[in-house]
């Protein structure tokens, strides 16, 4: 299982939200590159970079941060937040991301997303499934759809998407543990799924639990920034 640290960006700074609430924002570092280099030095190979300004505005805002981190590190980066048009996907991939992270578009405008898959290839996308009570949430978690998580995943697996990260919004940023039962259920139902757990990871024990059920990766954010999981722990893991 891969550990995938998250760097969330607002106004070019490394921040974390609680339950996706922009009013509950905490700045951890003014310089995201500094944070990314620390992860790289710890032997981390992959980074989850989120443009929270972009997610809120509905257009990419912080792609220069992506460009900087991609050019100054060897991290494999997925980048999301505000990807709404084919041109946005192109900007993200040209700026150094290996994967464009999408969520809302796959829910609200499936025909457009399927065209992107056809144009860029399914392997270029990391699909985000944000869940609120087993229903998919979109728009930076500001609205909930009526689409069930199981149906959503099964549908896009048929279209060639392999990597999906699933966030239980009720757990995110709370450091109360991840949704192990939800993830286990999704993995059991979808044998080909490369599932990345996201939200709620608060300790090394949580990571061990996710590895045990067969998660391919785990996105870790606040637990690192709050010192619950140290860089040394990550190296050892």
C-alpha atoms as a PDB file:
ATOM      1  CA  UNK A   1       0.000   0.000   0.000  1.00  0.00           C
ATOM      2  CA  UNK A   2       1.301   3.414  -0.984  1.00  0.00           C
ATOM      3  CA  UNK A   3       1.264   6.305   1.449  1.00  0.00           C
ATOM      4  CA  UNK A   4       0.131   9.420  -0.453  1.00  0.00           C
ATOM      5  CA  UNK A   5       0.530  12.656   1.518  1.00  0.00           C
ATOM      6  CA  UNK A   6      -1.906  15.441   0.679  1.00  0.00           C
ATOM      7  CA  UNK A   7      -1.067  19.079   0.178  1.00  0.00           C
ATOM      8  CA  UNK A   8      -4.174  21.254   0.025  1.00  0.00           C
ATOM      9  CA  UNK A   9      -3.636  24.714  -1.455  1.00  0.00           C
ATOM     10  CA  UNK A  10      -5.435  27.971  -0.711  1.00  0.00           C
ATOM     11  CA  UNK A  11      -3.834  31.206  -1.953  1.00  0.00           C
ATOM     12  CA  UNK A  12      -0.620  29.295  -2.664  1.00  0.00           C
ATOM     13  CA  UNK A  13      -0.302  28.068   0.939  1.00  0.00           C
ATOM     14  CA  UNK A  14      -0.452  24.569   2.425  1.00  0.00           C
ATOM     15  CA  UNK A  15      -3.677  24.326   4.478  1.00  0.00           C
ATOM     16  CA  UNK A  16      -6.136  21.771   5.854  1.00  0.00           C
ATOM     17  CA  UNK A  17      -9.894  22.037   6.207  1.00  0.00           C
ATOM     18  CA  UNK A  18     -12.150  20.140   8.604  1.00  0.00           C
ATOM     19  CA  UNK A  19     -15.079  18.299   6.956  1.00  0.00           C
ATOM     20  CA  UNK A  20     -14.450  20.314   3.788  1.00  0.00           C
ATOM     21  CA  UNK A  21     -15.487  23.537   5.523  1.00  0.00           C
ATOM     22  CA  UNK A  22     -13.602  26.553   4.156  1.00  0.00           C
ATOM     23  CA  UNK A  23     -14.394  28.420   7.385  1.00  0.00           C
ATOM     24  CA  UNK A  24     -12.439  25.751   9.305  1.00  0.00           C
ATOM     25  CA  UNK A  25      -9.117  26.409   7.615  1.00  0.00           C
ATOM     26  CA  UNK A  26      -5.667  26.083   9.154  1.00  0.00           C
ATOM     27  CA  UNK A  27      -2.473  27.209   7.402  1.00  0.00           C
ATOM     28  CA  UNK A  28       0.432  24.794   8.009  1.00  0.00           C
ATOM     29  CA  UNK A  29       3.093  26.175   5.722  1.00  0.00           C
ATOM     30  CA  UNK A  30       3.373  29.234   3.470  1.00  0.00           C
ATOM     31  CA  UNK A  31       5.595  27.221   1.116  1.00  0.00           C
ATOM     32  CA  UNK A  32       4.110  23.967  -0.306  1.00  0.00           C
ATOM     33  CA  UNK A  33       7.372  23.123  -2.107  1.00  0.00           C
ATOM     34  CA  UNK A  34       9.140  22.943   1.257  1.00  0.00           C
ATOM     35  CA  UNK A  35       6.524  20.429   2.431  1.00  0.00           C
ATOM     36  CA  UNK A  36       6.796  18.390  -0.779  1.00  0.00           C
ATOM     37  CA  UNK A  37      10.590  18.201  -0.455  1.00  0.00           C
ATOM     38  CA  UNK A  38      10.247  16.902   3.110  1.00  0.00           C
ATOM     39  CA  UNK A  39       7.995  14.112   1.835  1.00  0.00           C
ATOM     40  CA  UNK A  40      10.423  13.277  -0.949  1.00  0.00           C
ATOM     41  CA  UNK A  41      13.315  13.137   1.526  1.00  0.00           C
ATOM     42  CA  UNK A  42      11.287  10.635   3.567  1.00  0.00           C
ATOM     43  CA  UNK A  43      11.138   8.284   0.585  1.00  0.00           C
ATOM     44  CA  UNK A  44       7.565   9.170  -0.389  1.00  0.00           C
ATOM     45  CA  UNK A  45       7.030   8.676  -4.118  1.00  0.00           C
ATOM     46  CA  UNK A  46       3.574  10.102  -4.652  1.00  0.00           C
ATOM     47  CA  UNK A  47       1.712  13.321  -3.805  1.00  0.00           C
ATOM     48  CA  UNK A  48      -1.970  14.282  -3.755  1.00  0.00           C
ATOM     49  CA  UNK A  49      -2.157  18.000  -4.589  1.00  0.00           C
ATOM     50  CA  UNK A  50      -5.508  19.754  -4.210  1.00  0.00           C
ATOM     51  CA  UNK A  51      -6.382  23.234  -5.445  1.00  0.00           C
ATOM     52  CA  UNK A  52      -9.066  24.219  -2.934  1.00  0.00           C
ATOM     53  CA  UNK A  53      -9.408  27.686  -4.465  1.00  0.00           C
ATOM     54  CA  UNK A  54     -10.045  25.974  -7.789  1.00  0.00           C
ATOM     55  CA  UNK A  55     -12.586  23.554  -6.322  1.00  0.00           C
ATOM     56  CA  UNK A  56     -14.555  26.481  -4.917  1.00  0.00           C
ATOM     57  CA  UNK A  57     -14.229  28.741  -7.975  1.00  0.00           C
ATOM     58  CA  UNK A  58     -14.886  26.007 -10.542  1.00  0.00           C
ATOM     59  CA  UNK A  59     -11.643  26.713 -12.394  1.00  0.00           C
ATOM     60  CA  UNK A  60      -7.980  25.873 -11.811  1.00  0.00           C
ATOM     61  CA  UNK A  61      -6.291  28.570  -9.736  1.00  0.00           C
ATOM     62  CA  UNK A  62      -3.055  27.135  -8.301  1.00  0.00           C
ATOM     63  CA  UNK A  63      -1.489  25.284 -11.252  1.00  0.00           C
ATOM     64  CA  UNK A  64       1.726  27.295 -10.775  1.00  0.00           C
ATOM     65  CA  UNK A  65       2.207  25.489  -7.441  1.00  0.00           C
ATOM     66  CA  UNK A  66       1.871  22.182  -9.298  1.00  0.00           C
ATOM     67  CA  UNK A  67       4.409  23.331 -11.888  1.00  0.00           C
ATOM     68  CA  UNK A  68       6.872  24.342  -9.179  1.00  0.00           C
ATOM     69  CA  UNK A  69       6.614  21.089  -7.181  1.00  0.00           C
ATOM     70  CA  UNK A  70       6.730  18.942 -10.338  1.00  0.00           C
ATOM     71  CA  UNK A  71       9.847  20.723 -11.593  1.00  0.00           C
ATOM     72  CA  UNK A  72      11.703  20.678  -8.249  1.00  0.00           C
ATOM     73  CA  UNK A  73      10.865  17.134  -7.069  1.00  0.00           C
ATOM     74  CA  UNK A  74      10.578  13.649  -8.561  1.00  0.00           C
ATOM     75  CA  UNK A  75       7.205  13.024  -6.873  1.00  0.00           C
ATOM     76  CA  UNK A  76       4.422  11.428  -8.910  1.00  0.00           C
ATOM     77  CA  UNK A  77       1.639  13.974  -8.540  1.00  0.00           C
ATOM     78  CA  UNK A  78      -2.096  13.825  -8.959  1.00  0.00           C
ATOM     79  CA  UNK A  79      -3.690  17.266  -9.092  1.00  0.00           C
ATOM     80  CA  UNK A  80      -7.324  18.238  -8.728  1.00  0.00           C
ATOM     81  CA  UNK A  81      -9.670  21.075  -7.904  1.00  0.00           C
ATOM     82  CA  UNK A  82     -11.552  23.086 -10.509  1.00  0.00           C
ATOM     83  CA  UNK A  83     -10.958  20.830 -13.505  1.00  0.00           C
ATOM     84  CA  UNK A  84     -14.035  21.594 -15.618  1.00  0.00           C
ATOM     85  CA  UNK A  85     -12.864  21.709 -19.238  1.00  0.00           C
ATOM     86  CA  UNK A  86     -10.683  19.615 -21.519  1.00  0.00           C
ATOM     87  CA  UNK A  87      -8.216  22.511 -21.593  1.00  0.00           C
ATOM     88  CA  UNK A  88      -7.940  22.263 -17.777  1.00  0.00           C
ATOM     89  CA  UNK A  89      -6.901  18.605 -18.083  1.00  0.00           C
ATOM     90  CA  UNK A  90      -4.283  19.630 -20.628  1.00  0.00           C
ATOM     91  CA  UNK A  91      -2.929  22.377 -18.333  1.00  0.00           C
ATOM     92  CA  UNK A  92      -2.702  19.963 -15.391  1.00  0.00           C
ATOM     93  CA  UNK A  93      -0.904  17.245 -17.362  1.00  0.00           C
ATOM     94  CA  UNK A  94       1.393  19.770 -19.098  1.00  0.00           C
ATOM     95  CA  UNK A  95       2.233  21.321 -15.718  1.00  0.00           C
ATOM     96  CA  UNK A  96       3.724  18.064 -14.492  1.00  0.00           C
ATOM     97  CA  UNK A  97       0.904  16.022 -12.964  1.00  0.00           C
ATOM     98  CA  UNK A  98       0.829  12.321 -13.857  1.00  0.00           C
ATOM     99  CA  UNK A  99      -2.895  12.210 -13.150  1.00  0.00           C
ATOM    100  CA  UNK A 100      -5.730  14.722 -13.324  1.00  0.00           C
ATOM    101  CA  UNK A 101      -7.972  14.265 -10.293  1.00  0.00           C
ATOM    102  CA  UNK A 102     -11.647  14.667 -11.103  1.00  0.00           C
ATOM    103  CA  UNK A 103     -14.865  14.240  -9.193  1.00  0.00           C
ATOM    104  CA  UNK A 104     -17.691  16.677  -9.871  1.00  0.00           C
ATOM    105  CA  UNK A 105     -17.470  16.473 -13.677  1.00  0.00           C
ATOM    106  CA  UNK A 106     -17.862  12.680 -13.558  1.00  0.00           C
ATOM    107  CA  UNK A 107     -21.126  13.175 -11.662  1.00  0.00           C
ATOM    108  CA  UNK A 108     -22.585  16.289 -13.283  1.00  0.00           C
ATOM    109  CA  UNK A 109     -21.389  15.967 -16.873  1.00  0.00           C
ATOM    110  CA  UNK A 110     -20.661  12.330 -17.628  1.00  0.00           C
ATOM    111  CA  UNK A 111     -20.621  12.771 -21.466  1.00  0.00           C
ATOM    112  CA  UNK A 112     -17.803  15.332 -21.207  1.00  0.00           C
ATOM    113  CA  UNK A 113     -15.782  13.134 -18.859  1.00  0.00           C
ATOM    114  CA  UNK A 114     -16.165  10.142 -21.160  1.00  0.00           C
ATOM    115  CA  UNK A 115     -14.791  12.313 -24.002  1.00  0.00           C
ATOM    116  CA  UNK A 116     -11.783  13.181 -21.823  1.00  0.00           C
ATOM    117  CA  UNK A 117     -11.203   9.478 -21.152  1.00  0.00           C
ATOM    118  CA  UNK A 118     -11.316   8.842 -24.892  1.00  0.00           C
ATOM    119  CA  UNK A 119      -8.954  11.731 -25.628  1.00  0.00           C
ATOM    120  CA  UNK A 120      -6.353  11.387 -22.849  1.00  0.00           C
ATOM    121  CA  UNK A 121      -6.828   7.740 -21.833  1.00  0.00           C
ATOM    122  CA  UNK A 122      -8.431   6.403 -18.650  1.00  0.00           C
ATOM    123  CA  UNK A 123      -4.990   5.889 -17.064  1.00  0.00           C
ATOM    124  CA  UNK A 124      -4.484   9.678 -16.896  1.00  0.00           C
ATOM    125  CA  UNK A 125      -7.297  10.149 -14.386  1.00  0.00           C
ATOM    126  CA  UNK A 126      -7.673   9.626 -10.669  1.00  0.00           C
ATOM    127  CA  UNK A 127     -11.388   9.576  -9.961  1.00  0.00           C
ATOM    128  CA  UNK A 128     -12.531  11.001  -6.647  1.00  0.00           C
ATOM    129  CA  UNK A 129     -15.605   9.540  -5.013  1.00  0.00           C
ATOM    130  CA  UNK A 130     -16.562  11.796  -2.129  1.00  0.00           C
ATOM    131  CA  UNK A 131     -19.215  10.147  -0.002  1.00  0.00           C
ATOM    132  CA  UNK A 132     -21.813  11.512   2.357  1.00  0.00           C
ATOM    133  CA  UNK A 133     -24.025   8.747   3.722  1.00  0.00           C
ATOM    134  CA  UNK A 134     -23.185   6.439   0.760  1.00  0.00           C
ATOM    135  CA  UNK A 135     -24.200   9.146  -1.744  1.00  0.00           C
ATOM    136  CA  UNK A 136     -21.705  10.996  -3.957  1.00  0.00           C
ATOM    137  CA  UNK A 137     -21.013  14.633  -2.996  1.00  0.00           C
ATOM    138  CA  UNK A 138     -19.693  17.231  -5.446  1.00  0.00           C
ATOM    139  CA  UNK A 139     -18.574  20.851  -5.776  1.00  0.00           C
ATOM    140  CA  UNK A 140     -15.956  20.849  -3.047  1.00  0.00           C
ATOM    141  CA  UNK A 141     -18.459  18.866  -0.911  1.00  0.00           C
ATOM    142  CA  UNK A 142     -20.939  21.735  -0.996  1.00  0.00           C
ATOM    143  CA  UNK A 143     -23.725  19.591  -2.514  1.00  0.00           C
ATOM    144  CA  UNK A 144     -24.823  15.939  -2.377  1.00  0.00           C
ATOM    145  CA  UNK A 145     -26.110  13.985  -5.400  1.00  0.00           C
ATOM    146  CA  UNK A 146     -28.538  11.061  -5.423  1.00  0.00           C
ATOM    147  CA  UNK A 147     -25.931   8.683  -6.940  1.00  0.00           C
ATOM    148  CA  UNK A 148     -24.945   5.689  -4.819  1.00  0.00           C
ATOM    149  CA  UNK A 149     -21.204   5.056  -4.332  1.00  0.00           C
ATOM    150  CA  UNK A 150     -21.469   1.408  -5.505  1.00  0.00           C
ATOM    151  CA  UNK A 151     -23.178   2.333  -8.769  1.00  0.00           C
ATOM    152  CA  UNK A 152     -20.737   5.187  -9.383  1.00  0.00           C
ATOM    153  CA  UNK A 153     -17.656   2.976  -9.015  1.00  0.00           C
ATOM    154  CA  UNK A 154     -19.044   0.051 -11.034  1.00  0.00           C
ATOM    155  CA  UNK A 155     -20.007   2.399 -13.874  1.00  0.00           C
ATOM    156  CA  UNK A 156     -16.583   3.993 -14.244  1.00  0.00           C
ATOM    157  CA  UNK A 157     -14.684   0.726 -13.873  1.00  0.00           C
ATOM    158  CA  UNK A 158     -16.553  -0.360 -17.004  1.00  0.00           C
ATOM    159  CA  UNK A 159     -15.188   2.733 -18.758  1.00  0.00           C
ATOM    160  CA  UNK A 160     -11.585   1.828 -17.936  1.00  0.00           C
ATOM    161  CA  UNK A 161     -10.981   3.918 -14.821  1.00  0.00           C
ATOM    162  CA  UNK A 162      -8.854   1.910 -12.406  1.00  0.00           C
ATOM    163  CA  UNK A 163      -7.748   4.333  -9.698  1.00  0.00           C
ATOM    164  CA  UNK A 164     -10.451   5.702  -7.432  1.00  0.00           C
ATOM    165  CA  UNK A 165      -9.957   7.482  -4.148  1.00  0.00           C
ATOM    166  CA  UNK A 166     -12.861   7.532  -1.785  1.00  0.00           C
ATOM    167  CA  UNK A 167     -13.358  10.128   0.936  1.00  0.00           C
ATOM    168  CA  UNK A 168     -15.983   9.822   3.650  1.00  0.00           C
ATOM    169  CA  UNK A 169     -16.667  13.523   4.232  1.00  0.00           C
ATOM    170  CA  UNK A 170     -17.897  12.899   7.761  1.00  0.00           C
ATOM    171  CA  UNK A 171     -14.426  11.587   8.638  1.00  0.00           C
ATOM    172  CA  UNK A 172     -12.228  14.062   6.767  1.00  0.00           C
ATOM    173  CA  UNK A 173      -9.960  16.242   8.867  1.00  0.00           C
ATOM    174  CA  UNK A 174     -11.398  14.921  12.127  1.00  0.00           C
ATOM    175  CA  UNK A 175      -8.556  12.493  12.957  1.00  0.00           C
ATOM    176  CA  UNK A 176     -11.101   9.942  14.185  1.00  0.00           C
ATOM    177  CA  UNK A 177     -10.097   7.044  11.935  1.00  0.00           C
ATOM    178  CA  UNK A 178     -10.978   6.126   8.336  1.00  0.00           C
ATOM    179  CA  UNK A 179     -14.105   4.376   7.023  1.00  0.00           C
ATOM    180  CA  UNK A 180     -12.577   0.899   7.061  1.00  0.00           C
ATOM    181  CA  UNK A 181     -15.912  -0.930   6.679  1.00  0.00           C
ATOM    182  CA  UNK A 182     -16.937   1.186   3.684  1.00  0.00           C
ATOM    183  CA  UNK A 183     -13.601   0.585   1.948  1.00  0.00           C
ATOM    184  CA  UNK A 184     -13.640  -3.134   2.693  1.00  0.00           C
ATOM    185  CA  UNK A 185     -17.123  -3.391   1.192  1.00  0.00           C
ATOM    186  CA  UNK A 186     -16.071  -1.517  -1.971  1.00  0.00           C
ATOM    187  CA  UNK A 187     -12.952  -3.673  -2.428  1.00  0.00           C
ATOM    188  CA  UNK A 188     -14.915  -6.907  -1.955  1.00  0.00           C
ATOM    189  CA  UNK A 189     -17.510  -5.850  -4.544  1.00  0.00           C
ATOM    190  CA  UNK A 190     -14.983  -4.625  -7.139  1.00  0.00           C
ATOM    191  CA  UNK A 191     -12.037  -6.993  -7.544  1.00  0.00           C
ATOM    192  CA  UNK A 192     -10.270  -4.848 -10.188  1.00  0.00           C
ATOM    193  CA  UNK A 193     -10.518  -1.672  -8.138  1.00  0.00           C
ATOM    194  CA  UNK A 194      -7.317   0.179  -7.217  1.00  0.00           C
ATOM    195  CA  UNK A 195      -8.881   1.861  -4.164  1.00  0.00           C
ATOM    196  CA  UNK A 196      -7.141   4.702  -2.382  1.00  0.00           C
ATOM    197  CA  UNK A 197      -8.516   5.509   1.068  1.00  0.00           C
ATOM    198  CA  UNK A 198      -8.876   9.165   2.013  1.00  0.00           C
ATOM    199  CA  UNK A 199     -10.074  10.965   5.111  1.00  0.00           C
ATOM    200  CA  UNK A 200      -9.808  10.315   8.825  1.00  0.00           C
ATOM    201  CA  UNK A 201      -6.384   8.636   8.992  1.00  0.00           C
ATOM    202  CA  UNK A 202      -5.054   9.546  12.429  1.00  0.00           C
ATOM    203  CA  UNK A 203      -2.373   6.963  13.275  1.00  0.00           C
ATOM    204  CA  UNK A 204      -0.091   4.228  11.999  1.00  0.00           C
ATOM    205  CA  UNK A 205      -2.687   1.733  13.278  1.00  0.00           C
ATOM    206  CA  UNK A 206      -5.190   3.220  10.826  1.00  0.00           C
ATOM    207  CA  UNK A 207      -2.719   2.712   7.985  1.00  0.00           C
ATOM    208  CA  UNK A 208      -2.133  -0.897   9.044  1.00  0.00           C
ATOM    209  CA  UNK A 209      -5.911  -1.486   9.081  1.00  0.00           C
ATOM    210  CA  UNK A 210      -6.241  -0.073   5.552  1.00  0.00           C
ATOM    211  CA  UNK A 211      -3.351  -2.178   4.297  1.00  0.00           C
ATOM    212  CA  UNK A 212      -4.908  -5.280   5.866  1.00  0.00           C
ATOM    213  CA  UNK A 213      -8.207  -4.883   3.954  1.00  0.00           C
ATOM    214  CA  UNK A 214      -6.397  -4.437   0.634  1.00  0.00           C
ATOM    215  CA  UNK A 215      -6.351  -0.706  -0.046  1.00  0.00           C
ATOM    216  CA  UNK A 216      -3.868   0.137  -2.817  1.00  0.00           C
ATOM    217  CA  UNK A 217      -3.060   3.480  -1.224  1.00  0.00           C
ATOM    218  CA  UNK A 218      -3.967   5.864   1.575  1.00  0.00           C
ATOM    219  CA  UNK A 219      -4.047   9.635   1.378  1.00  0.00           C
ATOM    220  CA  UNK A 220      -2.805  11.189   4.612  1.00  0.00           C
ATOM    221  CA  UNK A 221      -3.105  14.861   5.453  1.00  0.00           C
ATOM    222  CA  UNK A 222      -3.872  16.393   8.813  1.00  0.00           C
ATOM    223  CA  UNK A 223      -2.369  13.492  10.802  1.00  0.00           C
ATOM    224  CA  UNK A 224       1.057  14.404   9.395  1.00  0.00           C
ATOM    225  CA  UNK A 225       0.645  18.148   9.887  1.00  0.00           C
ATOM    226  CA  UNK A 226      -0.640  17.714  13.446  1.00  0.00           C
ATOM    227  CA  UNK A 227       2.238  15.366  14.343  1.00  0.00           C
ATOM    228  CA  UNK A 228       0.108  12.233  14.846  1.00  0.00           C
ATOM    229  CA  UNK A 229       2.169  10.483  12.162  1.00  0.00           C
ATOM    230  CA  UNK A 230       5.817  11.471  11.871  1.00  0.00           C
ATOM    231  CA  UNK A 231       8.063  11.501   8.835  1.00  0.00           C
ATOM    232  CA  UNK A 232      10.063   8.748  10.601  1.00  0.00           C
ATOM    233  CA  UNK A 233       6.875   6.637  10.843  1.00  0.00           C
ATOM    234  CA  UNK A 234       6.331   7.052   7.103  1.00  0.00           C
ATOM    235  CA  UNK A 235       9.890   5.967   6.328  1.00  0.00           C
ATOM    236  CA  UNK A 236       9.441   2.871   8.516  1.00  0.00           C
ATOM    237  CA  UNK A 237       6.088   2.019   6.954  1.00  0.00           C
END
